[in-house]
Amino acid sequence: MKIERIQPGPNQESVWDYPRPAIAEAISATIRVEFAGQTIAETKSAVRTLETSHPPTYYIPYQDIMTSALRSNPHRSLCEWKGQARYFDLELGDVYSELACWSYAAPTEPFRSIKDYVAFYPSRVDACFLNGECVQAQPGDFYGGWITNSIVGPFKGEPGTLHW
């Protein structure tokens, strides 16, 4: 399958220009996550991770999250770049979302900036916002990238992209 990179327009990035291996960078954008009709996370101190073909993933510091909504889940996964992730369910009142977010308690050295930060799947909460723009979820159950008008693909996770 030949991948056709979409040419970015003004003020856009192509995920095909993101590096491999992945990197983490601090950003000052306003990030907000809503769940069960409430804002459960809001920050201007996020870290985004970038990897070729993936929309950015945004990590929010614990102090900017309503941690009372987090429920530890025994599920774990291993990222070749970041290390072992632990997962959380969300619960507020009678609203529940399984495996809605994840964190790295002991990330690899290049990703120490996301230690104990939390990333949310846009598809498993009410909405996620980047500078006021409601993001779209990266396709596929496994991926947690945030798609906005400022990035172009094609994106990993779409049908036929498993072996990119």
N, C-alpha and C. Protein backbone atom coordinates (compact mmCIF):
# COMPACT_ATOMS: atom_id res chain seq x y z
N MET A 1 0.84 -1.18 0.00
CA MET A 1 0.00 0.00 0.00
C MET A 1 0.89 1.24 0.00
N LYS A 2 0.71 2.08 -0.97
CA LYS A 2 1.46 3.33 -1.04
C LYS A 2 0.76 4.39 -0.21
N ILE A 3 1.53 5.05 0.65
CA ILE A 3 1.00 6.09 1.52
C ILE A 3 1.14 7.44 0.82
N GLU A 4 0.04 8.15 0.68
CA GLU A 4 0.04 9.47 0.06
C GLU A 4 -0.03 10.52 1.16
N ARG A 5 1.09 11.15 1.45
CA ARG A 5 1.17 12.20 2.45
C ARG A 5 0.34 13.39 1.98
N ILE A 6 -0.51 13.91 2.85
CA ILE A 6 -1.29 15.10 2.54
C ILE A 6 -0.40 16.32 2.80
N GLN A 7 -0.34 17.20 1.85
CA GLN A 7 0.46 18.42 1.99
C GLN A 7 -0.20 19.36 2.99
N PRO A 8 0.52 19.77 4.05
CA PRO A 8 -0.10 20.69 5.01
C PRO A 8 -0.30 22.08 4.42
N GLY A 9 -1.36 22.73 4.84
CA GLY A 9 -1.62 24.09 4.44
C GLY A 9 -1.01 25.06 5.44
N PRO A 10 -1.30 26.33 5.31
CA PRO A 10 -0.81 27.32 6.27
C PRO A 10 -1.25 26.96 7.70
N ASN A 11 -0.34 27.08 8.64
CA ASN A 11 -0.60 26.80 10.06
C ASN A 11 -1.01 25.35 10.32
N GLN A 12 -0.57 24.44 9.47
CA GLN A 12 -0.83 23.01 9.68
C GLN A 12 0.49 22.26 9.75
N GLU A 13 0.44 21.09 10.40
CA GLU A 13 1.56 20.16 10.45
C GLU A 13 1.12 18.86 9.80
N SER A 14 2.06 18.17 9.18
CA SER A 14 1.80 16.83 8.68
C SER A 14 2.36 15.84 9.69
N VAL A 15 1.56 14.84 10.03
CA VAL A 15 2.05 13.81 10.96
C VAL A 15 3.20 13.02 10.32
N TRP A 16 3.37 13.17 9.01
CA TRP A 16 4.47 12.48 8.32
C TRP A 16 5.79 13.23 8.49
N ASP A 17 5.73 14.43 9.05
CA ASP A 17 6.94 15.17 9.38
C ASP A 17 7.35 14.96 10.84
N TYR A 18 6.52 14.27 11.62
CA TYR A 18 6.86 13.97 13.01
C TYR A 18 7.97 12.91 13.03
N PRO A 19 8.77 12.90 14.07
CA PRO A 19 9.95 12.02 14.11
C PRO A 19 9.63 10.57 14.46
N ARG A 20 10.58 9.73 14.16
CA ARG A 20 10.61 8.35 14.63
C ARG A 20 12.06 8.06 14.96
N PRO A 21 12.43 7.76 16.19
CA PRO A 21 11.52 7.48 17.30
C PRO A 21 10.77 8.72 17.78
N ALA A 22 9.74 8.44 18.55
CA ALA A 22 8.86 9.48 19.06
C ALA A 22 9.61 10.43 19.99
N ILE A 23 9.01 11.62 20.18
CA ILE A 23 9.56 12.61 21.11
C ILE A 23 8.43 13.17 21.97
N ALA A 24 8.82 13.85 23.05
CA ALA A 24 7.87 14.56 23.91
C ALA A 24 8.30 16.01 23.97
N GLU A 25 7.29 16.92 23.94
CA GLU A 25 7.61 18.34 24.05
C GLU A 25 6.54 19.05 24.86
N ALA A 26 6.99 19.95 25.73
CA ALA A 26 6.07 20.76 26.53
C ALA A 26 5.38 21.76 25.62
N ILE A 27 4.11 22.02 25.90
CA ILE A 27 3.35 23.01 25.14
C ILE A 27 2.57 23.89 26.11
N SER A 28 2.19 25.07 25.65
CA SER A 28 1.43 25.98 26.51
C SER A 28 -0.02 26.13 26.04
N ALA A 29 -0.46 25.27 25.15
CA ALA A 29 -1.84 25.32 24.66
C ALA A 29 -2.80 25.02 25.82
N THR A 30 -4.03 25.48 25.68
CA THR A 30 -5.06 25.16 26.67
C THR A 30 -5.69 23.83 26.30
N ILE A 31 -5.60 22.89 27.22
CA ILE A 31 -6.14 21.54 27.03
C ILE A 31 -7.28 21.37 28.03
N ARG A 32 -8.41 20.84 27.56
CA ARG A 32 -9.55 20.59 28.44
C ARG A 32 -10.19 19.26 28.09
N VAL A 33 -10.58 18.51 29.12
CA VAL A 33 -11.25 17.22 28.96
C VAL A 33 -12.56 17.27 29.74
N GLU A 34 -13.65 16.89 29.07
CA GLU A 34 -14.96 16.85 29.71
C GLU A 34 -15.47 15.42 29.78
N PHE A 35 -16.06 15.11 30.92
CA PHE A 35 -16.61 13.77 31.15
C PHE A 35 -17.80 13.91 32.09
N ALA A 36 -18.85 13.19 31.80
CA ALA A 36 -20.06 13.20 32.62
C ALA A 36 -20.57 14.63 32.84
N GLY A 37 -20.45 15.45 31.81
CA GLY A 37 -20.95 16.80 31.87
C GLY A 37 -20.10 17.77 32.67
N GLN A 38 -18.90 17.35 33.08
CA GLN A 38 -18.02 18.21 33.87
C GLN A 38 -16.64 18.32 33.23
N THR A 39 -15.96 19.41 33.51
CA THR A 39 -14.56 19.52 33.13
C THR A 39 -13.76 18.75 34.17
N ILE A 40 -13.09 17.68 33.73
CA ILE A 40 -12.31 16.88 34.68
C ILE A 40 -10.81 17.12 34.56
N ALA A 41 -10.40 17.85 33.53
CA ALA A 41 -8.99 18.20 33.37
C ALA A 41 -8.90 19.49 32.56
N GLU A 42 -8.02 20.37 33.00
CA GLU A 42 -7.76 21.59 32.25
C GLU A 42 -6.37 22.08 32.62
N THR A 43 -5.58 22.40 31.59
CA THR A 43 -4.20 22.82 31.84
C THR A 43 -3.66 23.67 30.70
N LYS A 44 -2.61 24.40 31.03
CA LYS A 44 -1.76 25.07 30.04
C LYS A 44 -0.33 24.55 30.20
N SER A 45 -0.20 23.41 30.86
CA SER A 45 1.11 22.81 31.14
C SER A 45 1.19 21.38 30.65
N ALA A 46 0.66 21.12 29.47
CA ALA A 46 0.65 19.76 28.92
C ALA A 46 1.97 19.44 28.22
N VAL A 47 2.14 18.17 27.97
CA VAL A 47 3.24 17.67 27.15
C VAL A 47 2.59 16.88 26.02
N ARG A 48 3.05 17.10 24.79
CA ARG A 48 2.52 16.31 23.68
C ARG A 48 3.62 15.38 23.19
N THR A 49 3.20 14.19 22.76
CA THR A 49 4.14 13.27 22.14
C THR A 49 3.85 13.23 20.65
N LEU A 50 4.93 13.15 19.88
CA LEU A 50 4.83 13.14 18.43
C LEU A 50 5.55 11.93 17.88
N GLU A 51 4.91 11.26 16.95
CA GLU A 51 5.50 10.10 16.28
C GLU A 51 4.97 10.05 14.85
N THR A 52 5.85 9.71 13.93
CA THR A 52 5.48 9.63 12.53
C THR A 52 4.17 8.88 12.34
N SER A 53 3.27 9.47 11.61
CA SER A 53 1.97 8.94 11.19
C SER A 53 0.88 9.00 12.27
N HIS A 54 1.21 9.48 13.46
CA HIS A 54 0.23 9.53 14.55
C HIS A 54 -0.14 10.98 14.88
N PRO A 55 -1.43 11.24 15.10
CA PRO A 55 -1.79 12.55 15.65
C PRO A 55 -1.16 12.68 17.04
N PRO A 56 -0.88 13.89 17.50
CA PRO A 56 -0.28 14.05 18.83
C PRO A 56 -1.16 13.48 19.93
N THR A 57 -0.49 13.01 20.97
CA THR A 57 -1.15 12.61 22.21
C THR A 57 -0.77 13.64 23.26
N TYR A 58 -1.74 14.06 24.06
CA TYR A 58 -1.53 15.12 25.05
C TYR A 58 -1.58 14.55 26.46
N TYR A 59 -0.56 14.85 27.24
CA TYR A 59 -0.43 14.39 28.61
C TYR A 59 -0.61 15.57 29.56
N ILE A 60 -1.47 15.38 30.56
CA ILE A 60 -1.88 16.43 31.48
C ILE A 60 -1.35 16.11 32.88
N PRO A 61 -0.77 17.09 33.57
CA PRO A 61 -0.27 16.82 34.92
C PRO A 61 -1.40 16.49 35.90
N TYR A 62 -1.10 15.59 36.84
CA TYR A 62 -2.10 15.17 37.83
C TYR A 62 -2.75 16.36 38.54
N GLN A 63 -1.96 17.39 38.86
CA GLN A 63 -2.53 18.50 39.63
C GLN A 63 -3.61 19.25 38.86
N ASP A 64 -3.71 19.03 37.55
CA ASP A 64 -4.72 19.70 36.75
C ASP A 64 -5.87 18.77 36.35
N ILE A 65 -5.98 17.66 37.06
CA ILE A 65 -7.00 16.64 36.78
C ILE A 65 -7.85 16.41 38.02
N MET A 66 -9.14 16.19 37.83
CA MET A 66 -10.02 15.77 38.91
C MET A 66 -9.71 14.29 39.18
N THR A 67 -8.70 14.05 39.99
CA THR A 67 -8.22 12.68 40.20
C THR A 67 -9.24 11.80 40.92
N SER A 68 -10.21 12.41 41.59
CA SER A 68 -11.24 11.61 42.26
C SER A 68 -12.08 10.82 41.26
N ALA A 69 -12.03 11.19 39.97
CA ALA A 69 -12.77 10.46 38.93
C ALA A 69 -11.98 9.27 38.38
N LEU A 70 -10.68 9.18 38.69
CA LEU A 70 -9.83 8.09 38.18
C LEU A 70 -9.99 6.85 39.03
N ARG A 71 -10.14 5.71 38.36
CA ARG A 71 -10.19 4.40 39.02
C ARG A 71 -9.11 3.54 38.39
N SER A 72 -8.19 3.05 39.19
CA SER A 72 -7.11 2.23 38.66
C SER A 72 -7.66 0.98 38.00
N ASN A 73 -7.11 0.63 36.86
CA ASN A 73 -7.48 -0.57 36.12
C ASN A 73 -6.22 -1.43 36.02
N PRO A 74 -6.32 -2.75 36.16
CA PRO A 74 -5.10 -3.59 36.11
C PRO A 74 -4.47 -3.71 34.73
N HIS A 75 -5.14 -3.23 33.69
CA HIS A 75 -4.60 -3.35 32.33
C HIS A 75 -3.28 -2.60 32.22
N ARG A 76 -2.33 -3.19 31.50
CA ARG A 76 -1.03 -2.57 31.23
C ARG A 76 -0.71 -2.78 29.76
N SER A 77 0.11 -1.89 29.21
CA SER A 77 0.62 -2.07 27.85
C SER A 77 2.06 -1.59 27.84
N LEU A 78 2.78 -1.95 26.78
CA LEU A 78 4.18 -1.57 26.67
C LEU A 78 4.40 -0.80 25.38
N CYS A 79 4.93 0.41 25.51
CA CYS A 79 5.29 1.23 24.37
C CYS A 79 6.79 1.09 24.15
N GLU A 80 7.19 0.86 22.92
CA GLU A 80 8.61 0.69 22.64
C GLU A 80 9.42 1.94 22.96
N TRP A 81 8.78 3.11 23.00
CA TRP A 81 9.50 4.36 23.26
C TRP A 81 9.37 4.81 24.71
N LYS A 82 8.17 4.68 25.28
CA LYS A 82 7.90 5.28 26.58
C LYS A 82 7.99 4.31 27.76
N GLY A 83 7.81 3.03 27.53
CA GLY A 83 7.84 2.05 28.62
C GLY A 83 6.46 1.51 28.91
N GLN A 84 6.24 1.09 30.16
CA GLN A 84 4.98 0.45 30.54
C GLN A 84 3.94 1.47 30.99
N ALA A 85 2.77 1.37 30.37
CA ALA A 85 1.65 2.26 30.72
C ALA A 85 0.70 1.55 31.66
N ARG A 86 0.15 2.31 32.58
CA ARG A 86 -0.93 1.82 33.45
C ARG A 86 -2.19 2.57 33.04
N TYR A 87 -3.33 1.95 33.25
CA TYR A 87 -4.60 2.51 32.76
C TYR A 87 -5.55 2.84 33.89
N PHE A 88 -6.47 3.74 33.56
CA PHE A 88 -7.49 4.15 34.50
C PHE A 88 -8.85 4.13 33.82
N ASP A 89 -9.87 3.79 34.60
CA ASP A 89 -11.25 3.97 34.20
C ASP A 89 -11.67 5.33 34.76
N LEU A 90 -12.73 5.89 34.23
CA LEU A 90 -13.30 7.11 34.77
C LEU A 90 -14.68 6.80 35.34
N GLU A 91 -14.97 7.42 36.49
CA GLU A 91 -16.29 7.25 37.09
C GLU A 91 -16.68 8.55 37.80
N LEU A 92 -17.79 9.08 37.38
CA LEU A 92 -18.38 10.27 38.02
C LEU A 92 -19.87 10.02 38.15
N GLY A 93 -20.35 9.96 39.38
CA GLY A 93 -21.75 9.63 39.59
C GLY A 93 -22.04 8.26 39.01
N ASP A 94 -23.03 8.19 38.15
CA ASP A 94 -23.37 6.91 37.54
C ASP A 94 -22.81 6.76 36.12
N VAL A 95 -21.86 7.64 35.74
CA VAL A 95 -21.25 7.57 34.42
C VAL A 95 -19.88 6.93 34.55
N TYR A 96 -19.64 5.92 33.70
CA TYR A 96 -18.42 5.11 33.79
C TYR A 96 -17.83 4.93 32.40
N SER A 97 -16.51 5.00 32.29
CA SER A 97 -15.82 4.75 31.03
C SER A 97 -14.58 3.91 31.32
N GLU A 98 -14.56 2.71 30.78
CA GLU A 98 -13.45 1.79 31.02
C GLU A 98 -12.24 2.16 30.16
N LEU A 99 -11.06 2.06 30.75
CA LEU A 99 -9.80 2.31 30.06
C LEU A 99 -9.82 3.65 29.32
N ALA A 100 -10.25 4.68 30.01
CA ALA A 100 -10.43 6.00 29.39
C ALA A 100 -9.14 6.79 29.30
N CYS A 101 -8.14 6.43 30.11
CA CYS A 101 -6.90 7.20 30.12
C CYS A 101 -5.75 6.33 30.63
N TRP A 102 -4.53 6.83 30.45
CA TRP A 102 -3.36 6.07 30.85
C TRP A 102 -2.25 7.01 31.29
N SER A 103 -1.25 6.41 31.95
CA SER A 103 -0.15 7.18 32.49
C SER A 103 1.10 6.31 32.53
N TYR A 104 2.25 6.95 32.68
CA TYR A 104 3.53 6.25 32.82
C TYR A 104 4.14 6.63 34.15
N ALA A 105 4.21 5.67 35.08
CA ALA A 105 4.80 5.92 36.40
C ALA A 105 6.33 5.96 36.32
N ALA A 106 6.89 5.21 35.39
CA ALA A 106 8.35 5.14 35.24
C ALA A 106 8.71 5.11 33.76
N PRO A 107 8.48 6.23 33.04
CA PRO A 107 8.77 6.23 31.61
C PRO A 107 10.27 6.15 31.35
N THR A 108 10.62 5.82 30.12
CA THR A 108 12.03 5.80 29.74
C THR A 108 12.59 7.22 29.84
N GLU A 109 13.90 7.33 29.88
CA GLU A 109 14.57 8.63 30.08
C GLU A 109 14.12 9.72 29.09
N PRO A 110 14.01 9.43 27.78
CA PRO A 110 13.58 10.50 26.86
C PRO A 110 12.17 11.03 27.14
N PHE A 111 11.38 10.28 27.92
CA PHE A 111 9.99 10.67 28.19
C PHE A 111 9.75 10.97 29.66
N ARG A 112 10.80 11.29 30.39
CA ARG A 112 10.63 11.57 31.83
C ARG A 112 9.68 12.75 32.06
N SER A 113 9.50 13.61 31.07
CA SER A 113 8.60 14.76 31.22
C SER A 113 7.13 14.37 31.33
N ILE A 114 6.77 13.12 30.99
CA ILE A 114 5.37 12.69 31.12
C ILE A 114 5.15 11.80 32.34
N LYS A 115 6.17 11.68 33.18
CA LYS A 115 6.02 10.86 34.39
C LYS A 115 4.83 11.37 35.20
N ASP A 116 3.91 10.47 35.46
CA ASP A 116 2.71 10.76 36.24
C ASP A 116 1.79 11.81 35.61
N TYR A 117 1.92 12.05 34.33
CA TYR A 117 0.93 12.83 33.58
C TYR A 117 -0.08 11.82 33.03
N VAL A 118 -1.25 12.27 32.67
CA VAL A 118 -2.31 11.38 32.20
C VAL A 118 -2.74 11.81 30.80
N ALA A 119 -2.91 10.83 29.92
CA ALA A 119 -3.42 11.05 28.57
C ALA A 119 -4.82 10.44 28.48
N PHE A 120 -5.72 11.14 27.80
CA PHE A 120 -7.11 10.70 27.68
C PHE A 120 -7.43 10.31 26.24
N TYR A 121 -8.18 9.21 26.08
CA TYR A 121 -8.71 8.84 24.78
C TYR A 121 -9.89 9.75 24.48
N PRO A 122 -9.85 10.54 23.42
CA PRO A 122 -11.00 11.40 23.10
C PRO A 122 -12.29 10.60 22.88
N SER A 123 -12.17 9.37 22.42
CA SER A 123 -13.36 8.55 22.14
C SER A 123 -14.01 7.99 23.40
N ARG A 124 -13.36 8.14 24.56
CA ARG A 124 -13.88 7.53 25.78
C ARG A 124 -14.30 8.55 26.83
N VAL A 125 -14.33 9.81 26.42
CA VAL A 125 -14.83 10.89 27.28
C VAL A 125 -15.86 11.68 26.46
N ASP A 126 -16.51 12.65 27.09
CA ASP A 126 -17.50 13.45 26.36
C ASP A 126 -16.84 14.26 25.25
N ALA A 127 -15.74 14.94 25.59
CA ALA A 127 -15.06 15.78 24.61
C ALA A 127 -13.68 16.17 25.13
N CYS A 128 -12.77 16.39 24.19
CA CYS A 128 -11.44 16.93 24.48
C CYS A 128 -11.26 18.16 23.61
N PHE A 129 -10.61 19.17 24.18
CA PHE A 129 -10.42 20.44 23.48
C PHE A 129 -8.96 20.87 23.49
N LEU A 130 -8.51 21.38 22.37
CA LEU A 130 -7.18 21.96 22.23
C LEU A 130 -7.37 23.40 21.80
N ASN A 131 -7.03 24.33 22.68
CA ASN A 131 -7.25 25.76 22.41
C ASN A 131 -8.67 26.04 21.94
N GLY A 132 -9.64 25.40 22.59
CA GLY A 132 -11.05 25.63 22.29
C GLY A 132 -11.62 24.80 21.17
N GLU A 133 -10.78 24.15 20.38
CA GLU A 133 -11.26 23.31 19.28
C GLU A 133 -11.56 21.90 19.80
N CYS A 134 -12.76 21.42 19.55
CA CYS A 134 -13.11 20.05 19.92
C CYS A 134 -12.38 19.10 18.98
N VAL A 135 -11.61 18.18 19.55
CA VAL A 135 -10.79 17.29 18.74
C VAL A 135 -11.58 16.07 18.29
N GLN A 136 -11.08 15.42 17.25
CA GLN A 136 -11.60 14.14 16.81
C GLN A 136 -10.66 13.06 17.33
N ALA A 137 -11.19 11.90 17.63
CA ALA A 137 -10.38 10.79 18.10
C ALA A 137 -9.62 10.16 16.94
N GLN A 138 -8.39 9.76 17.20
CA GLN A 138 -7.63 8.99 16.22
C GLN A 138 -8.37 7.68 15.97
N PRO A 139 -8.48 7.25 14.73
CA PRO A 139 -9.18 5.98 14.45
C PRO A 139 -8.50 4.80 15.14
N GLY A 140 -9.28 3.78 15.43
CA GLY A 140 -8.76 2.56 16.04
C GLY A 140 -8.84 2.62 17.55
N ASP A 141 -9.17 1.50 18.18
CA ASP A 141 -9.32 1.43 19.63
C ASP A 141 -8.01 1.63 20.39
N PHE A 142 -6.90 1.29 19.78
CA PHE A 142 -5.62 1.30 20.49
C PHE A 142 -5.03 2.70 20.64
N TYR A 143 -5.31 3.56 19.70
CA TYR A 143 -4.61 4.84 19.62
C TYR A 143 -5.35 5.96 20.34
N GLY A 144 -4.59 6.89 20.92
CA GLY A 144 -5.19 7.97 21.68
C GLY A 144 -4.85 9.35 21.15
N GLY A 145 -4.52 9.46 19.87
CA GLY A 145 -4.16 10.75 19.30
C GLY A 145 -5.35 11.68 19.17
N TRP A 146 -5.04 12.98 19.14
CA TRP A 146 -6.04 14.03 19.02
C TRP A 146 -5.92 14.66 17.64
N ILE A 147 -6.97 14.57 16.85
CA ILE A 147 -6.97 15.15 15.50
C ILE A 147 -7.66 16.51 15.55
N THR A 148 -6.94 17.53 15.06
CA THR A 148 -7.47 18.89 14.99
C THR A 148 -7.30 19.40 13.56
N ASN A 149 -7.81 20.59 13.32
CA ASN A 149 -7.67 21.21 12.00
C ASN A 149 -6.23 21.60 11.69
N SER A 150 -5.35 21.57 12.69
CA SER A 150 -3.97 22.00 12.48
C SER A 150 -3.04 20.87 12.06
N ILE A 151 -3.57 19.65 11.90
CA ILE A 151 -2.73 18.53 11.44
C ILE A 151 -3.40 17.81 10.27
N VAL A 152 -2.56 17.21 9.44
CA VAL A 152 -3.06 16.42 8.31
C VAL A 152 -2.36 15.07 8.32
N GLY A 153 -2.96 14.08 7.68
CA GLY A 153 -2.47 12.71 7.65
C GLY A 153 -2.01 12.28 6.28
N PRO A 154 -2.33 11.04 5.95
CA PRO A 154 -3.24 10.12 6.60
C PRO A 154 -2.69 9.67 7.97
N PHE A 155 -3.61 9.20 8.83
CA PHE A 155 -3.29 8.86 10.19
C PHE A 155 -3.26 7.36 10.42
N LYS A 156 -2.27 6.91 11.18
CA LYS A 156 -2.22 5.52 11.63
C LYS A 156 -3.49 5.24 12.41
N GLY A 157 -4.08 4.07 12.19
CA GLY A 157 -5.31 3.68 12.86
C GLY A 157 -6.47 3.57 11.89
N GLU A 158 -6.36 4.25 10.74
CA GLU A 158 -7.40 4.14 9.73
C GLU A 158 -7.35 2.74 9.11
N PRO A 159 -8.41 2.24 8.50
CA PRO A 159 -8.40 0.92 7.90
C PRO A 159 -7.21 0.75 6.94
N GLY A 160 -6.54 -0.40 7.05
CA GLY A 160 -5.41 -0.72 6.18
C GLY A 160 -4.07 -0.18 6.65
N THR A 161 -4.02 0.41 7.85
CA THR A 161 -2.76 1.03 8.33
C THR A 161 -2.03 0.19 9.37
N LEU A 162 -2.52 -0.99 9.68
CA LEU A 162 -1.95 -1.79 10.77
C LEU A 162 -0.45 -2.00 10.63
N HIS A 163 0.05 -2.21 9.43
CA HIS A 163 1.47 -2.54 9.26
C HIS A 163 2.32 -1.39 8.72
N TRP A 164 1.88 -0.16 8.90
CA TRP A 164 2.68 0.99 8.50
C TRP A 164 3.93 1.05 9.32
